[in-house]
Structures are given as structure tokens and as C-alpha cells.
């Protein structure tokens, strides 16, 4: 069995739209309207999804420390 992937609702919607795009049910223009991104971004997402699958659509910063956190050594 495969590894579990934690995804937000937004990322799950992206997968369903990209699957519809993949099967030819919708066109790039309609997919971009559904997700609220540009047609160029749809091309990028489609390529990433084709190469990496669902994992490619998950935000890369998930699970890591925030870039905005205060480091312990800076707290006085």
C-alpha cells in the first residue's frame, strides 16, 4: 500500500480539476477559471502532477519550521 499524503482541501480540488483536464473533460482555460490561476500556472501544475503525482501538488513548506519564527537564541 502507498504512503499517506496530507493535503489541504485546496490541493484536493486541484487534483480533481487536473484529472478532469487529463481526461479531456475540460480545457486549460476552464481549469484556470475553476482554480483561479493563470493558464500558464495550469500548465506548470499539470506537468508537476504528471511527473510527481499527487505529492507534486502538496505545498513544499508543509511540516517544516516557519520562515517567520523567532529563533530561540534571539529571545532575551
PDB file of N, CA and C in Angstrom:
ATOM      1  N   UNK A   1       0.837  -1.169   0.000  1.00  0.00           N
ATOM      2  CA  UNK A   1       0.000   0.000   0.000  1.00  0.00           C
ATOM      3  C   UNK A   1       0.887   1.239   0.000  1.00  0.00           C
ATOM      4  N   UNK A   2       0.400   2.337  -0.600  1.00  0.00           N
ATOM      5  CA  UNK A   2       1.175   3.556  -0.720  1.00  0.00           C
ATOM      6  C   UNK A   2       1.232   4.361   0.565  1.00  0.00           C
ATOM      7  N   UNK A   3       2.065   5.364   0.533  1.00  0.00           N
ATOM      8  CA  UNK A   3       2.244   6.250   1.671  1.00  0.00           C
ATOM      9  C   UNK A   3       1.100   7.266   1.724  1.00  0.00           C
ATOM     10  N   UNK A   4       0.662   7.618   2.925  1.00  0.00           N
ATOM     11  CA  UNK A   4      -0.390   8.615   3.082  1.00  0.00           C
ATOM     12  C   UNK A   4       0.177  10.009   2.854  1.00  0.00           C
ATOM     13  N   UNK A   5      -0.602  10.851   2.184  1.00  0.00           N
ATOM     14  CA  UNK A   5      -0.190  12.213   1.904  1.00  0.00           C
ATOM     15  C   UNK A   5      -1.211  13.144   2.536  1.00  0.00           C
ATOM     16  N   UNK A   6      -0.745  14.078   3.365  1.00  0.00           N
ATOM     17  CA  UNK A   6      -1.647  15.072   3.957  1.00  0.00           C
ATOM     18  C   UNK A   6      -1.830  16.195   2.958  1.00  0.00           C
ATOM     19  N   UNK A   7      -3.087  16.509   2.663  1.00  0.00           N
ATOM     20  CA  UNK A   7      -3.388  17.556   1.689  1.00  0.00           C
ATOM     21  C   UNK A   7      -4.474  18.469   2.224  1.00  0.00           C
ATOM     22  N   UNK A   8      -4.402  19.721   1.817  1.00  0.00           N
ATOM     23  CA  UNK A   8      -5.461  20.661   2.154  1.00  0.00           C
ATOM     24  C   UNK A   8      -6.627  20.448   1.184  1.00  0.00           C
ATOM     25  N   UNK A   9      -7.762  21.047   1.490  1.00  0.00           N
ATOM     26  CA  UNK A   9      -8.924  20.941   0.597  1.00  0.00           C
ATOM     27  C   UNK A   9      -8.592  21.558  -0.756  1.00  0.00           C
ATOM     28  N   UNK A  10      -7.854  22.663  -0.728  1.00  0.00           N
ATOM     29  CA  UNK A  10      -7.467  23.351  -1.957  1.00  0.00           C
ATOM     30  C   UNK A  10      -6.636  22.426  -2.852  1.00  0.00           C
ATOM     31  N   UNK A  11      -5.719  21.686  -2.254  1.00  0.00           N
ATOM     32  CA  UNK A  11      -4.877  20.768  -3.018  1.00  0.00           C
ATOM     33  C   UNK A  11      -5.689  19.600  -3.566  1.00  0.00           C
ATOM     34  N   UNK A  12      -6.684  19.145  -2.824  1.00  0.00           N
ATOM     35  CA  UNK A  12      -7.528  18.057  -3.302  1.00  0.00           C
ATOM     36  C   UNK A  12      -8.399  18.513  -4.478  1.00  0.00           C
ATOM     37  N   UNK A  13      -8.858  19.761  -4.420  1.00  0.00           N
ATOM     38  CA  UNK A  13      -9.631  20.307  -5.539  1.00  0.00           C
ATOM     39  C   UNK A  13      -8.740  20.386  -6.776  1.00  0.00           C
ATOM     40  N   UNK A  14      -7.482  20.780  -6.579  1.00  0.00           N
ATOM     41  CA  UNK A  14      -6.537  20.843  -7.704  1.00  0.00           C
ATOM     42  C   UNK A  14      -6.412  19.490  -8.385  1.00  0.00           C
ATOM     43  N   UNK A  15      -6.326  18.437  -7.596  1.00  0.00           N
ATOM     44  CA  UNK A  15      -6.200  17.089  -8.167  1.00  0.00           C
ATOM     45  C   UNK A  15      -7.430  16.747  -8.998  1.00  0.00           C
ATOM     46  N   UNK A  16      -8.617  17.025  -8.472  1.00  0.00           N
ATOM     47  CA  UNK A  16      -9.827  16.675  -9.216  1.00  0.00           C
ATOM     48  C   UNK A  16      -9.915  17.466 -10.521  1.00  0.00           C
ATOM     49  N   UNK A  17      -9.539  18.742 -10.494  1.00  0.00           N
ATOM     50  CA  UNK A  17      -9.569  19.549 -11.717  1.00  0.00           C
ATOM     51  C   UNK A  17      -8.522  19.048 -12.704  1.00  0.00           C
ATOM     52  N   UNK A  18      -7.325  18.719 -12.221  1.00  0.00           N
ATOM     53  CA  UNK A  18      -6.269  18.230 -13.117  1.00  0.00           C
ATOM     54  C   UNK A  18      -6.631  16.867 -13.715  1.00  0.00           C
ATOM     55  N   UNK A  19      -7.336  16.040 -12.965  1.00  0.00           N
ATOM     56  CA  UNK A  19      -7.794  14.757 -13.508  1.00  0.00           C
ATOM     57  C   UNK A  19      -8.805  14.988 -14.632  1.00  0.00           C
ATOM     58  N   UNK A  20      -9.714  15.944 -14.430  1.00  0.00           N
ATOM     59  CA  UNK A  20     -10.688  16.266 -15.476  1.00  0.00           C
ATOM     60  C   UNK A  20      -9.993  16.823 -16.709  1.00  0.00           C
ATOM     61  N   UNK A  21      -8.934  17.599 -16.493  1.00  0.00           N
ATOM     62  CA  UNK A  21      -8.150  18.150 -17.594  1.00  0.00           C
ATOM     63  C   UNK A  21      -7.423  17.024 -18.340  1.00  0.00           C
ATOM     64  N   UNK A  22      -6.888  16.090 -17.574  1.00  0.00           N
ATOM     65  CA  UNK A  22      -6.147  14.956 -18.136  1.00  0.00           C
ATOM     66  C   UNK A  22      -7.036  14.080 -19.026  1.00  0.00           C
ATOM     67  N   UNK A  23      -8.283  13.887 -18.608  1.00  0.00           N
ATOM     68  CA  UNK A  23      -9.197  13.038 -19.382  1.00  0.00           C
ATOM     69  C   UNK A  23      -9.829  13.775 -20.557  1.00  0.00           C
ATOM     70  N   UNK A  24      -9.594  15.090 -20.637  1.00  0.00           N
ATOM     71  CA  UNK A  24     -10.147  15.868 -21.737  1.00  0.00           C
ATOM     72  C   UNK A  24     -11.544  16.378 -21.481  1.00  0.00           C
ATOM     73  N   UNK A  25     -12.010  16.200 -20.266  1.00  0.00           N
ATOM     74  CA  UNK A  25     -13.357  16.652 -19.901  1.00  0.00           C
ATOM     75  C   UNK A  25     -13.448  18.180 -19.920  1.00  0.00           C
ATOM     76  N   UNK A  26     -12.359  18.854 -19.539  1.00  0.00           N
ATOM     77  CA  UNK A  26     -12.311  20.316 -19.564  1.00  0.00           C
ATOM     78  C   UNK A  26     -11.034  20.768 -20.262  1.00  0.00           C
ATOM     79  N   UNK A  27     -10.981  22.043 -20.621  1.00  0.00           N
ATOM     80  CA  UNK A  27      -9.810  22.614 -21.275  1.00  0.00           C
ATOM     81  C   UNK A  27      -9.007  23.437 -20.269  1.00  0.00           C
ATOM     82  N   UNK A  28      -7.784  23.814 -20.672  1.00  0.00           N
ATOM     83  CA  UNK A  28      -6.904  24.598 -19.810  1.00  0.00           C
ATOM     84  C   UNK A  28      -7.582  25.879 -19.322  1.00  0.00           C
ATOM     85  N   UNK A  29      -8.288  26.540 -20.219  1.00  0.00           N
ATOM     86  CA  UNK A  29      -8.943  27.805 -19.871  1.00  0.00           C
ATOM     87  C   UNK A  29      -9.961  27.609 -18.746  1.00  0.00           C
ATOM     88  N   UNK A  30     -10.768  26.558 -18.872  1.00  0.00           N
ATOM     89  CA  UNK A  30     -11.787  26.287 -17.854  1.00  0.00           C
ATOM     90  C   UNK A  30     -11.136  25.868 -16.538  1.00  0.00           C
ATOM     91  N   UNK A  31     -10.087  25.081 -16.608  1.00  0.00           N
ATOM     92  CA  UNK A  31      -9.368  24.654 -15.400  1.00  0.00           C
ATOM     93  C   UNK A  31      -8.783  25.866 -14.679  1.00  0.00           C
ATOM     94  N   UNK A  32      -8.245  26.813 -15.438  1.00  0.00           N
ATOM     95  CA  UNK A  32      -7.663  28.003 -14.810  1.00  0.00           C
ATOM     96  C   UNK A  32      -8.743  28.840 -14.127  1.00  0.00           C
ATOM     97  N   UNK A  33      -9.923  28.891 -14.704  1.00  0.00           N
ATOM     98  CA  UNK A  33     -11.032  29.622 -14.084  1.00  0.00           C
ATOM     99  C   UNK A  33     -11.497  28.919 -12.806  1.00  0.00           C
ATOM    100  N   UNK A  34     -11.575  27.602 -12.841  1.00  0.00           N
ATOM    101  CA  UNK A  34     -12.022  26.842 -11.668  1.00  0.00           C
ATOM    102  C   UNK A  34     -11.075  27.013 -10.482  1.00  0.00           C
ATOM    103  N   UNK A  35      -9.765  27.050 -10.774  1.00  0.00           N
ATOM    104  CA  UNK A  35      -8.782  27.145  -9.694  1.00  0.00           C
ATOM    105  C   UNK A  35      -8.364  28.582  -9.386  1.00  0.00           C
ATOM    106  N   UNK A  36      -8.746  29.512 -10.244  1.00  0.00           N
ATOM    107  CA  UNK A  36      -8.389  30.904 -10.001  1.00  0.00           C
ATOM    108  C   UNK A  36      -6.926  31.200 -10.229  1.00  0.00           C
ATOM    109  N   UNK A  37      -6.329  30.510 -11.195  1.00  0.00           N
ATOM    110  CA  UNK A  37      -4.922  30.732 -11.546  1.00  0.00           C
ATOM    111  C   UNK A  37      -4.827  30.961 -13.052  1.00  0.00           C
ATOM    112  N   UNK A  38      -3.640  31.355 -13.509  1.00  0.00           N
ATOM    113  CA  UNK A  38      -3.454  31.612 -14.932  1.00  0.00           C
ATOM    114  C   UNK A  38      -3.364  30.302 -15.728  1.00  0.00           C
ATOM    115  N   UNK A  39      -3.524  30.424 -17.039  1.00  0.00           N
ATOM    116  CA  UNK A  39      -3.387  29.239 -17.897  1.00  0.00           C
ATOM    117  C   UNK A  39      -1.961  28.700 -17.814  1.00  0.00           C
ATOM    118  N   UNK A  40      -0.989  29.596 -17.684  1.00  0.00           N
ATOM    119  CA  UNK A  40       0.407  29.172 -17.569  1.00  0.00           C
ATOM    120  C   UNK A  40       0.623  28.366 -16.277  1.00  0.00           C
ATOM    121  N   UNK A  41      -0.014  28.809 -15.191  1.00  0.00           N
ATOM    122  CA  UNK A  41       0.112  28.074 -13.930  1.00  0.00           C
ATOM    123  C   UNK A  41      -0.527  26.696 -14.049  1.00  0.00           C
ATOM    124  N   UNK A  42      -1.616  26.580 -14.795  1.00  0.00           N
ATOM    125  CA  UNK A  42      -2.247  25.274 -15.029  1.00  0.00           C
ATOM    126  C   UNK A  42      -1.260  24.349 -15.744  1.00  0.00           C
ATOM    127  N   UNK A  43      -0.523  24.887 -16.711  1.00  0.00           N
ATOM    128  CA  UNK A  43       0.473  24.077 -17.421  1.00  0.00           C
ATOM    129  C   UNK A  43       1.547  23.583 -16.456  1.00  0.00           C
ATOM    130  N   UNK A  44       1.986  24.460 -15.554  1.00  0.00           N
ATOM    131  CA  UNK A  44       3.005  24.071 -14.568  1.00  0.00           C
ATOM    132  C   UNK A  44       2.473  22.986 -13.643  1.00  0.00           C
ATOM    133  N   UNK A  45       1.236  23.172 -13.146  1.00  0.00           N
ATOM    134  CA  UNK A  45       0.631  22.189 -12.241  1.00  0.00           C
ATOM    135  C   UNK A  45       0.440  20.849 -12.938  1.00  0.00           C
ATOM    136  N   UNK A  46       0.000  20.890 -14.191  1.00  0.00           N
ATOM    137  CA  UNK A  46      -0.227  19.667 -14.957  1.00  0.00           C
ATOM    138  C   UNK A  46       1.081  18.890 -15.140  1.00  0.00           C
ATOM    139  N   UNK A  47       2.148  19.607 -15.450  1.00  0.00           N
ATOM    140  CA  UNK A  47       3.459  18.978 -15.635  1.00  0.00           C
ATOM    141  C   UNK A  47       3.942  18.346 -14.327  1.00  0.00           C
ATOM    142  N   UNK A  48       3.803  19.091 -13.215  1.00  0.00           N
ATOM    143  CA  UNK A  48       4.232  18.608 -11.909  1.00  0.00           C
ATOM    144  C   UNK A  48       3.420  17.375 -11.504  1.00  0.00           C
ATOM    145  N   UNK A  49       2.114  17.406 -11.780  1.00  0.00           N
ATOM    146  CA  UNK A  49       1.228  16.292 -11.450  1.00  0.00           C
ATOM    147  C   UNK A  49       1.575  15.059 -12.282  1.00  0.00           C
ATOM    148  N   UNK A  50       1.917  15.277 -13.541  1.00  0.00           N
ATOM    149  CA  UNK A  50       2.279  14.164 -14.419  1.00  0.00           C
ATOM    150  C   UNK A  50       3.566  13.492 -13.953  1.00  0.00           C
ATOM    151  N   UNK A  51       4.546  14.288 -13.518  1.00  0.00           N
ATOM    152  CA  UNK A  51       5.846  13.753 -13.110  1.00  0.00           C
ATOM    153  C   UNK A  51       5.819  13.156 -11.703  1.00  0.00           C
ATOM    154  N   UNK A  52       5.250  13.910 -10.732  1.00  0.00           N
ATOM    155  CA  UNK A  52       5.338  13.514  -9.329  1.00  0.00           C
ATOM    156  C   UNK A  52       4.045  12.967  -8.740  1.00  0.00           C
ATOM    157  N   UNK A  53       2.956  13.075  -9.468  1.00  0.00           N
ATOM    158  CA  UNK A  53       1.675  12.631  -8.938  1.00  0.00           C
ATOM    159  C   UNK A  53       1.130  13.610  -7.915  1.00  0.00           C
ATOM    160  N   UNK A  54       0.301  13.123  -7.009  1.00  0.00           N
ATOM    161  CA  UNK A  54      -0.352  13.981  -6.017  1.00  0.00           C
ATOM    162  C   UNK A  54       0.669  14.673  -5.119  1.00  0.00           C
ATOM    163  N   UNK A  55       1.784  14.026  -4.835  1.00  0.00           N
ATOM    164  CA  UNK A  55       2.813  14.630  -3.988  1.00  0.00           C
ATOM    165  C   UNK A  55       3.356  15.916  -4.583  1.00  0.00           C
ATOM    166  N   UNK A  56       3.349  16.029  -5.890  1.00  0.00           N
ATOM    167  CA  UNK A  56       3.864  17.220  -6.543  1.00  0.00           C
ATOM    168  C   UNK A  56       3.013  18.453  -6.313  1.00  0.00           C
ATOM    169  N   UNK A  57       1.760  18.256  -5.890  1.00  0.00           N
ATOM    170  CA  UNK A  57       0.858  19.378  -5.668  1.00  0.00           C
ATOM    171  C   UNK A  57       0.820  19.840  -4.217  1.00  0.00           C
ATOM    172  N   UNK A  58       1.446  19.080  -3.328  1.00  0.00           N
ATOM    173  CA  UNK A  58       1.457  19.432  -1.912  1.00  0.00           C
ATOM    174  C   UNK A  58       2.467  20.551  -1.681  1.00  0.00           C
ATOM    175  N   UNK A  59       2.069  21.519  -0.846  1.00  0.00           N
ATOM    176  CA  UNK A  59       2.943  22.653  -0.548  1.00  0.00           C
ATOM    177  C   UNK A  59       4.251  22.150   0.061  1.00  0.00           C
ATOM    178  N   UNK A  60       5.366  22.620  -0.468  1.00  0.00           N
ATOM    179  CA  UNK A  60       6.678  22.110  -0.051  1.00  0.00           C
ATOM    180  C   UNK A  60       7.080  22.538   1.358  1.00  0.00           C
ATOM    181  N   UNK A  61       6.464  23.578   1.884  1.00  0.00           N
ATOM    182  CA  UNK A  61       6.814  24.048   3.222  1.00  0.00           C
ATOM    183  C   UNK A  61       6.084  23.323   4.338  1.00  0.00           C
ATOM    184  N   UNK A  62       5.186  22.415   3.981  1.00  0.00           N
ATOM    185  CA  UNK A  62       4.393  21.717   4.987  1.00  0.00           C
ATOM    186  C   UNK A  62       5.284  20.850   5.876  1.00  0.00           C
ATOM    187  N   UNK A  63       5.071  20.964   7.180  1.00  0.00           N
ATOM    188  CA  UNK A  63       5.788  20.124   8.133  1.00  0.00           C
ATOM    189  C   UNK A  63       7.098  20.733   8.607  1.00  0.00           C
ATOM    190  N   UNK A  64       7.558  21.774   7.953  1.00  0.00           N
ATOM    191  CA  UNK A  64       8.816  22.399   8.349  1.00  0.00           C
ATOM    192  C   UNK A  64       8.575  23.605   9.243  1.00  0.00           C
ATOM    193  N   UNK A  65       9.647  24.158   9.788  1.00  0.00           N
ATOM    194  CA  UNK A  65       9.507  25.347  10.633  1.00  0.00           C
ATOM    195  C   UNK A  65       9.162  26.572   9.792  1.00  0.00           C
ATOM    196  N   UNK A  66       8.478  27.510  10.411  1.00  0.00           N
ATOM    197  CA  UNK A  66       8.103  28.743   9.732  1.00  0.00           C
ATOM    198  C   UNK A  66       9.337  29.594   9.448  1.00  0.00           C
ATOM    199  N   UNK A  67       9.334  30.264   8.307  1.00  0.00           N
ATOM    200  CA  UNK A  67      10.424  31.180   7.987  1.00  0.00           C
ATOM    201  C   UNK A  67      10.334  32.444   8.830  1.00  0.00           C
ATOM    202  N   UNK A  68       9.205  32.676   9.465  1.00  0.00           N
ATOM    203  CA  UNK A  68       8.985  33.891  10.237  1.00  0.00           C
ATOM    204  C   UNK A  68       9.123  33.690  11.743  1.00  0.00           C
ATOM    205  N   UNK A  69       9.486  32.496  12.155  1.00  0.00           N
ATOM    206  CA  UNK A  69       9.584  32.243  13.588  1.00  0.00           C
ATOM    207  C   UNK A  69      10.806  32.935  14.192  1.00  0.00           C
ATOM    208  N   UNK A  70      10.698  33.258  15.456  1.00  0.00           N
ATOM    209  CA  UNK A  70      11.830  33.862  16.177  1.00  0.00           C
ATOM    210  C   UNK A  70      12.696  32.731  16.691  1.00  0.00           C
ATOM    211  N   UNK A  71      13.967  32.795  16.375  1.00  0.00           N
ATOM    212  CA  UNK A  71      14.897  31.747  16.806  1.00  0.00           C
ATOM    213  C   UNK A  71      15.110  31.857  18.311  1.00  0.00           C
ATOM    214  N   UNK A  72      15.226  30.725  19.009  1.00  0.00           N
ATOM    215  CA  UNK A  72      15.375  30.747  20.485  1.00  0.00           C
ATOM    216  C   UNK A  72      16.545  31.598  20.953  1.00  0.00           C
ATOM    217  N   UNK A  73      17.643  31.628  20.215  1.00  0.00           N
ATOM    218  CA  UNK A  73      18.814  32.400  20.659  1.00  0.00           C
ATOM    219  C   UNK A  73      18.582  33.908  20.542  1.00  0.00           C
ATOM    220  N   UNK A  74      17.534  34.325  19.814  1.00  0.00           N
ATOM    221  CA  UNK A  74      17.234  35.748  19.692  1.00  0.00           C
ATOM    222  C   UNK A  74      16.245  36.238  20.745  1.00  0.00           C
ATOM    223  N   UNK A  75      15.723  35.334  21.532  1.00  0.00           N
ATOM    224  CA  UNK A  75      14.773  35.719  22.586  1.00  0.00           C
ATOM    225  C   UNK A  75      15.582  36.027  23.842  1.00  0.00           C
ATOM    226  N   UNK A  76      15.389  37.238  24.356  1.00  0.00           N
ATOM    227  CA  UNK A  76      16.178  37.627  25.553  1.00  0.00           C
ATOM    228  C   UNK A  76      15.308  37.709  26.768  1.00  0.00           C
TER     229      UNK A  76
END
